[in-house]
Amino acid sequence: MSETESIFQQLSKDELKTITTLGIEKTYGTGELIFSEGDTADYIYFIQSGQVSISIQKFTEQEEICTLGPGEYFGEMAVFYKNKRTASVTALTEARLLSVDKKVFLQLVKTDREIARKINTILARRNEELIFKEKLLDSTGINSRHLHVSIKGDPSLRETTFTRERHESIVDKVLPQLKPGLEDLLLNRCVYQIFIGFNSGEIRTLSIFDPFSEEIHQANKLADEAYIDRHFPLTTYDEKTQMLRRLYAAVAADPVFGSLPEPVKKMFMSYYEHWEPITRAEIATTLSRLSVLRSIPHYYLRNFTISMTRDAIRMQFNCDGTHIVSAQDYQRFIDENL
């Protein structure tokens, strides 16, 4: 059962009766689809008996958010905020539902302030829950220490991976000299994020001194210590960590941020307040395995991203789309594919 608070827990018997008199009862059989993600929202549903499953589409798979049972309700998010359903609902068992027409229900909310107050309180909580569920990385860096998201790529690339000849890129040629420089950028200099394009030979960096603009460098240039000295000021890891915390605090203090809906603000503030950088050891370990990643059978690493701001290593492969793993599970990903 879902732990989401039900509107029935706050409504009085008289208020519940008021809503019940507006509804039409319908019974759904086990496995029957009640509505699909993307459908127009026309009713709010109150469960009288049985159970339903609420799920969302995540890339190629359907992911269950929760199950709901008697005394709970669903469908209100799309009715109050959007015209399309943000999730699909299926009957897990035979379910007897009370459906209240959208227009009729909204008219009731307009005329009954007490019901409106209680409903809006619950909707704010439900909206916050859905935002967390829909985020791809699900607050990565706070709670997702065991993360592995796989986004499948073009199937034709996977089918031809066994016959495709591998080619040594510019990055491969300088990788032994490049890796110490990349580690130096993240641990001892102003850079907080690095993108490596193996096919193109370009390396993109983000600096705490210009956090919203990428700088593009040739891989062979970053293998040169003098080049690094000229372009990237020395900044300790602790200094960068403190500066990033201040940047998050500055965003939180901005009037535009203050105008956000409360559930959205709460979500971001939870991240800002609990944010911790990826560890130095994880950075060193991750970069030391780049050569191994390029030689995994049946995988052809195209690009790679690491950032000290999030515990998520992004790897994109020609043969199998994109993989996003936590730094903690990075070595396990390599071990499982070698």
Protein backbone atom coordinates (compact mmCIF):
# COMPACT_ATOMS: atom_id res chain seq x y z
CA MET A 1 0.00 0.00 0.00
CA SER A 2 1.09 3.55 -0.64
CA GLU A 3 2.10 5.68 2.31
CA THR A 4 0.64 8.74 0.59
CA GLU A 5 -1.84 10.55 2.83
CA SER A 6 -5.42 10.18 1.60
CA ILE A 7 -7.81 13.09 1.35
CA PHE A 8 -10.36 10.95 3.23
CA GLN A 9 -8.20 11.19 6.36
CA GLN A 10 -8.88 14.92 6.60
CA LEU A 11 -12.42 15.24 5.33
CA SER A 12 -15.34 15.13 7.75
CA LYS A 13 -18.15 12.62 7.21
CA ASP A 14 -20.36 15.41 5.88
CA GLU A 15 -17.66 16.56 3.43
CA LEU A 16 -17.11 12.99 2.26
CA LYS A 17 -20.84 12.58 1.75
CA THR A 18 -20.92 15.80 -0.29
CA ILE A 19 -18.32 14.44 -2.70
CA THR A 20 -19.84 10.95 -2.79
CA THR A 21 -23.17 12.29 -3.97
CA LEU A 22 -21.41 13.79 -7.02
CA GLY A 23 -19.87 10.52 -8.19
CA ILE A 24 -20.80 7.64 -10.46
CA GLU A 25 -19.87 4.10 -9.39
CA LYS A 26 -18.07 1.72 -11.76
CA THR A 27 -16.38 -1.66 -11.29
CA TYR A 28 -13.13 -2.62 -13.08
CA GLY A 29 -11.90 -6.18 -13.54
CA THR A 30 -8.44 -7.44 -12.57
CA GLY A 31 -5.83 -6.13 -15.04
CA GLU A 32 -8.26 -3.68 -16.64
CA LEU A 33 -6.77 -0.32 -17.67
CA ILE A 34 -8.52 2.62 -16.02
CA PHE A 35 -6.61 5.28 -17.94
CA SER A 36 -3.24 5.69 -19.66
CA GLU A 37 -0.43 8.21 -19.30
CA GLY A 38 -1.15 11.03 -21.74
CA ASP A 39 -4.94 10.63 -21.69
CA THR A 40 -7.13 13.68 -21.13
CA ALA A 41 -8.07 14.05 -17.47
CA ASP A 42 -11.83 13.95 -17.13
CA TYR A 43 -12.48 12.32 -13.72
CA ILE A 44 -11.11 12.04 -10.20
CA TYR A 45 -11.38 8.52 -8.79
CA PHE A 46 -12.07 7.42 -5.22
CA ILE A 47 -11.44 3.76 -4.35
CA GLN A 48 -14.27 2.06 -2.52
CA SER A 49 -12.88 -1.49 -2.75
CA GLY A 50 -9.99 -3.32 -4.42
CA GLN A 51 -6.50 -2.16 -5.39
CA VAL A 52 -5.00 -0.25 -8.33
CA SER A 53 -1.45 0.15 -9.62
CA ILE A 54 -0.10 3.57 -10.63
CA SER A 55 2.86 3.56 -13.05
CA ILE A 56 4.82 5.87 -15.34
CA GLN A 57 6.72 5.24 -18.56
CA LYS A 58 10.50 5.46 -18.11
CA PHE A 59 12.12 5.11 -21.53
CA THR A 60 11.28 1.56 -22.69
CA GLU A 61 9.90 0.26 -19.40
CA GLN A 62 6.80 0.83 -17.29
CA GLU A 63 7.75 1.62 -13.68
CA GLU A 64 5.24 1.26 -10.84
CA ILE A 65 5.05 4.29 -8.56
CA CYS A 66 2.74 2.79 -5.95
CA THR A 67 -0.41 0.81 -5.25
CA LEU A 68 -3.55 2.33 -3.78
CA GLY A 69 -6.49 0.76 -1.98
CA PRO A 70 -9.81 1.52 -0.26
CA GLY A 71 -10.11 5.04 1.13
CA GLU A 72 -7.51 6.45 -1.26
CA TYR A 73 -7.91 8.46 -4.42
CA PHE A 74 -6.09 9.19 -7.69
CA GLY A 75 -6.32 11.26 -10.85
CA GLU A 76 -6.39 14.62 -9.09
CA MET A 77 -2.96 15.77 -10.26
CA ALA A 78 -3.94 16.09 -13.91
CA VAL A 79 -7.32 17.60 -13.01
CA PHE A 80 -5.77 20.39 -10.93
CA TYR A 81 -2.53 21.07 -12.85
CA LYS A 82 -2.60 19.71 -16.40
CA ASN A 83 -5.06 18.38 -18.93
CA LYS A 84 -3.14 15.15 -19.57
CA ARG A 85 -2.61 12.17 -17.28
CA THR A 86 0.92 11.94 -15.89
CA ALA A 87 0.64 8.22 -15.08
CA SER A 88 -1.24 5.07 -16.03
CA VAL A 89 -3.61 3.26 -13.65
CA THR A 90 -4.56 -0.43 -13.81
CA ALA A 91 -6.80 -2.48 -11.54
CA LEU A 92 -4.68 -5.00 -9.59
CA THR A 93 -7.83 -6.72 -8.31
CA GLU A 94 -11.47 -6.21 -9.06
CA ALA A 95 -11.89 -2.58 -8.05
CA ARG A 96 -15.03 -0.59 -7.29
CA LEU A 97 -14.39 3.10 -7.97
CA LEU A 98 -16.36 6.28 -7.55
CA SER A 99 -15.65 8.66 -10.45
CA VAL A 100 -16.37 12.36 -10.06
CA ASP A 101 -16.48 14.50 -13.18
CA LYS A 102 -13.69 17.09 -13.40
CA LYS A 103 -15.98 20.09 -13.97
CA VAL A 104 -18.36 19.09 -11.21
CA PHE A 105 -15.54 18.56 -8.73
CA LEU A 106 -13.77 21.86 -9.56
CA GLN A 107 -17.05 23.69 -9.09
CA LEU A 108 -17.37 22.14 -5.62
CA VAL A 109 -13.83 23.24 -4.72
CA LYS A 110 -14.65 26.81 -5.78
CA THR A 111 -17.70 26.97 -3.56
CA ASP A 112 -16.47 25.10 -0.46
CA ARG A 113 -13.39 26.79 1.05
CA GLU A 114 -12.78 24.19 3.73
CA ILE A 115 -12.76 21.30 1.26
CA ALA A 116 -10.53 23.38 -1.02
CA ARG A 117 -8.02 24.02 1.78
CA LYS A 118 -7.76 20.34 2.69
CA ILE A 119 -7.49 19.19 -0.92
CA ASN A 120 -4.80 21.73 -1.78
CA THR A 121 -2.72 20.60 1.21
CA ILE A 122 -2.79 17.00 0.00
CA LEU A 123 -2.19 17.94 -3.64
CA ALA A 124 0.98 19.79 -2.67
CA ARG A 125 2.34 16.64 -1.03
CA ARG A 126 1.31 14.40 -3.92
CA ASN A 127 2.90 16.77 -6.45
CA GLU A 128 6.18 16.65 -4.53
CA GLU A 129 6.14 12.85 -4.51
CA LEU A 130 5.56 12.66 -8.27
CA ILE A 131 8.37 15.12 -9.00
CA PHE A 132 10.81 12.90 -7.08
CA LYS A 133 9.59 9.75 -8.86
CA GLU A 134 9.90 11.27 -12.33
CA LYS A 135 13.42 12.62 -11.96
CA LEU A 136 15.82 10.46 -13.93
CA LEU A 137 18.56 10.43 -11.30
CA ASP A 138 16.12 10.58 -8.39
CA SER A 139 18.14 13.01 -6.25
CA THR A 140 21.44 11.41 -7.17
CA GLY A 141 24.14 12.34 -4.71
CA ILE A 142 21.78 12.15 -1.73
CA ASN A 143 20.03 8.79 -1.68
CA SER A 144 20.98 6.96 -4.85
CA ARG A 145 24.27 5.39 -3.87
CA HIS A 146 23.37 2.28 -5.90
CA LEU A 147 22.37 3.80 -9.20
CA HIS A 148 22.35 2.28 -12.67
CA VAL A 149 20.13 3.79 -15.35
CA SER A 150 20.34 2.25 -18.82
CA ILE A 151 18.96 4.14 -21.83
CA LYS A 152 18.96 1.86 -24.85
CA GLY A 153 20.43 3.19 -28.06
CA ASP A 154 19.82 2.46 -31.75
CA PRO A 155 19.29 -1.34 -32.05
CA SER A 156 21.05 -1.39 -35.42
CA LEU A 157 24.25 -0.29 -33.68
CA ARG A 158 23.99 -3.16 -31.21
CA GLU A 159 23.39 -5.65 -34.03
CA THR A 160 26.50 -4.57 -35.94
CA THR A 161 28.83 -4.25 -32.96
CA PHE A 162 30.37 -7.71 -33.54
CA THR A 163 31.39 -6.88 -37.12
CA ARG A 164 32.49 -3.29 -36.60
CA GLU A 165 36.23 -2.67 -36.51
CA ARG A 166 37.50 -0.65 -33.58
CA HIS A 167 39.69 2.36 -34.29
CA GLU A 168 42.16 4.08 -32.01
CA SER A 169 41.10 7.66 -31.41
CA ILE A 170 43.22 10.71 -30.64
CA VAL A 171 42.16 10.36 -27.00
CA ASP A 172 43.32 6.73 -26.89
CA LYS A 173 46.78 7.72 -28.13
CA VAL A 174 47.36 10.27 -25.36
CA LEU A 175 45.29 8.60 -22.61
CA PRO A 176 48.27 7.51 -20.43
CA GLN A 177 49.51 11.12 -20.33
CA LEU A 178 46.00 12.57 -20.25
CA LYS A 179 44.65 10.77 -17.17
CA PRO A 180 46.97 12.50 -14.62
CA GLY A 181 45.99 15.85 -16.11
CA LEU A 182 42.28 15.10 -15.85
CA GLU A 183 42.70 14.04 -12.23
CA ASP A 184 44.65 17.22 -11.53
CA LEU A 185 41.85 19.34 -13.05
CA LEU A 186 39.20 17.85 -10.79
CA LEU A 187 41.20 17.51 -7.59
CA ASN A 188 43.52 20.53 -7.63
CA ARG A 189 42.14 23.09 -10.06
CA CYS A 190 38.98 25.09 -10.85
CA VAL A 191 37.27 22.39 -12.95
CA TYR A 192 34.26 20.60 -11.45
CA GLN A 193 33.05 18.63 -14.49
CA ILE A 194 34.75 16.92 -17.43
CA PHE A 195 33.29 15.49 -20.63
CA ILE A 196 35.52 13.29 -22.82
CA GLY A 197 34.56 12.79 -26.47
CA PHE A 198 36.53 9.78 -27.66
CA ASN A 199 35.28 9.98 -31.25
CA SER A 200 35.79 13.72 -31.66
CA GLY A 201 38.95 14.07 -29.55
CA GLU A 202 37.46 17.01 -27.67
CA ILE A 203 37.32 17.49 -23.91
CA ARG A 204 34.79 19.88 -22.41
CA THR A 205 35.29 21.37 -18.97
CA LEU A 206 33.13 23.37 -16.57
CA SER A 207 34.81 25.74 -14.13
CA ILE A 208 33.52 27.11 -10.84
CA PHE A 209 34.60 30.55 -12.09
CA ASP A 210 32.27 30.31 -15.13
CA PRO A 211 29.85 27.58 -14.05
CA PHE A 212 27.37 27.85 -16.93
CA SER A 213 29.70 27.80 -19.93
CA GLU A 214 31.65 24.85 -21.32
CA GLU A 215 35.21 25.27 -22.50
CA ILE A 216 36.34 22.95 -25.29
CA HIS A 217 39.91 21.65 -25.44
CA GLN A 218 41.81 19.24 -27.67
CA ALA A 219 42.72 16.06 -25.82
CA ASN A 220 46.42 16.30 -26.68
CA LYS A 221 46.53 19.84 -25.25
CA LEU A 222 45.35 18.65 -21.85
CA ALA A 223 48.18 16.13 -21.80
CA ASP A 224 50.53 19.13 -21.59
CA GLU A 225 51.21 20.38 -18.04
CA ALA A 226 52.10 23.86 -19.26
CA TYR A 227 48.76 24.15 -21.07
CA ILE A 228 46.91 23.16 -17.90
CA ASP A 229 48.85 25.71 -15.87
CA ARG A 230 47.92 28.49 -18.30
CA HIS A 231 44.19 27.73 -18.51
CA PHE A 232 43.15 26.34 -15.13
CA PRO A 233 43.93 28.20 -11.88
CA LEU A 234 44.90 26.14 -8.85
CA THR A 235 41.94 25.64 -6.51
CA THR A 236 41.81 23.05 -3.75
CA TYR A 237 39.03 20.49 -3.66
CA ASP A 238 37.79 21.89 -0.36
CA GLU A 239 37.71 25.43 -1.79
CA LYS A 240 35.65 24.25 -4.75
CA THR A 241 33.30 22.35 -2.46
CA GLN A 242 32.67 25.44 -0.33
CA MET A 243 32.22 27.65 -3.39
CA LEU A 244 29.67 25.25 -4.88
CA ARG A 245 27.76 25.28 -1.60
CA ARG A 246 27.70 29.07 -1.72
CA LEU A 247 26.45 28.96 -5.32
CA TYR A 248 23.59 26.68 -4.27
CA ALA A 249 22.83 29.04 -1.38
CA ALA A 250 22.80 32.02 -3.75
CA VAL A 251 20.28 30.27 -6.00
CA ALA A 252 18.10 29.47 -2.99
CA ALA A 253 18.17 33.11 -1.88
CA ASP A 254 17.19 34.50 -5.28
CA PRO A 255 13.67 35.99 -5.62
CA VAL A 256 12.98 33.90 -8.72
CA PHE A 257 13.69 30.73 -6.75
CA GLY A 258 11.43 32.02 -3.99
CA SER A 259 8.54 32.28 -6.46
CA LEU A 260 8.64 28.56 -7.30
CA PRO A 261 5.80 26.29 -6.13
CA GLU A 262 6.47 25.05 -2.62
CA PRO A 263 6.94 21.34 -3.55
CA VAL A 264 9.52 22.25 -6.20
CA LYS A 265 11.39 24.53 -3.80
CA LYS A 266 11.40 21.84 -1.15
CA MET A 267 12.85 19.31 -3.59
CA PHE A 268 15.72 21.60 -4.62
CA MET A 269 16.37 22.74 -1.06
CA SER A 270 16.66 19.13 0.06
CA TYR A 271 19.37 18.66 -2.55
CA TYR A 272 21.16 21.94 -1.75
CA GLU A 273 21.18 21.32 2.00
CA HIS A 274 22.38 17.71 1.83
CA TRP A 275 24.73 18.02 -1.14
CA GLU A 276 28.13 16.41 -0.83
CA PRO A 277 30.75 16.18 -3.58
CA ILE A 278 31.91 12.91 -5.06
CA THR A 279 34.96 11.79 -3.09
CA ARG A 280 38.54 12.32 -4.22
CA ALA A 281 39.14 8.56 -4.14
CA GLU A 282 36.14 7.93 -6.41
CA ILE A 283 37.45 10.48 -8.92
CA ALA A 284 40.90 8.87 -8.98
CA THR A 285 39.48 5.35 -9.30
CA THR A 286 37.02 6.31 -12.01
CA LEU A 287 39.60 8.03 -14.21
CA SER A 288 42.10 5.20 -13.75
CA ARG A 289 39.62 2.80 -15.41
CA LEU A 290 39.13 4.77 -18.64
CA SER A 291 41.41 2.46 -20.65
CA VAL A 292 39.44 -0.52 -19.39
CA LEU A 293 36.17 1.06 -20.47
CA ARG A 294 37.48 1.48 -24.00
CA SER A 295 38.25 -2.24 -24.23
CA ILE A 296 35.00 -3.76 -22.86
CA PRO A 297 33.84 -6.47 -25.32
CA HIS A 298 30.72 -5.52 -27.31
CA TYR A 299 30.75 -1.97 -25.92
CA TYR A 300 32.24 0.93 -27.84
CA LEU A 301 32.65 3.87 -25.48
CA ARG A 302 31.82 7.08 -27.31
CA ASN A 303 31.88 9.66 -24.53
CA PHE A 304 32.23 9.90 -20.78
CA THR A 305 31.20 12.50 -18.18
CA ILE A 306 32.26 12.87 -14.55
CA SER A 307 31.32 15.71 -12.20
CA MET A 308 32.20 16.41 -8.59
CA THR A 309 28.66 17.77 -8.08
CA ARG A 310 26.82 14.48 -8.59
CA ASP A 311 27.49 10.86 -7.73
CA ALA A 312 26.73 9.79 -11.30
CA ILE A 313 29.14 8.65 -13.99
CA ARG A 314 27.64 8.96 -17.48
CA MET A 315 28.94 6.67 -20.22
CA GLN A 316 27.57 6.66 -23.75
CA PHE A 317 28.18 3.68 -26.02
CA ASN A 318 27.65 3.28 -29.76
CA CYS A 319 26.32 -0.22 -29.24
CA ASP A 320 24.07 0.17 -26.23
CA GLY A 321 22.99 3.76 -25.66
CA THR A 322 23.79 5.48 -22.37
CA HIS A 323 24.60 4.10 -18.93
CA ILE A 324 24.50 6.26 -15.81
CA VAL A 325 26.02 4.64 -12.73
CA SER A 326 26.91 5.84 -9.26
CA ALA A 327 30.61 6.22 -8.56
CA GLN A 328 30.25 3.49 -5.96
CA ASP A 329 28.89 1.04 -8.55
CA TYR A 330 31.25 2.08 -11.35
CA GLN A 331 33.76 -0.71 -10.68
CA ARG A 332 30.94 -3.23 -10.47
CA PHE A 333 29.69 -2.12 -13.91
CA ILE A 334 33.18 -2.76 -15.32
CA ASP A 335 33.53 -6.12 -13.59
CA GLU A 336 30.16 -7.32 -14.87
CA ASN A 337 31.03 -6.48 -18.47
CA LEU A 338 34.56 -7.84 -18.66
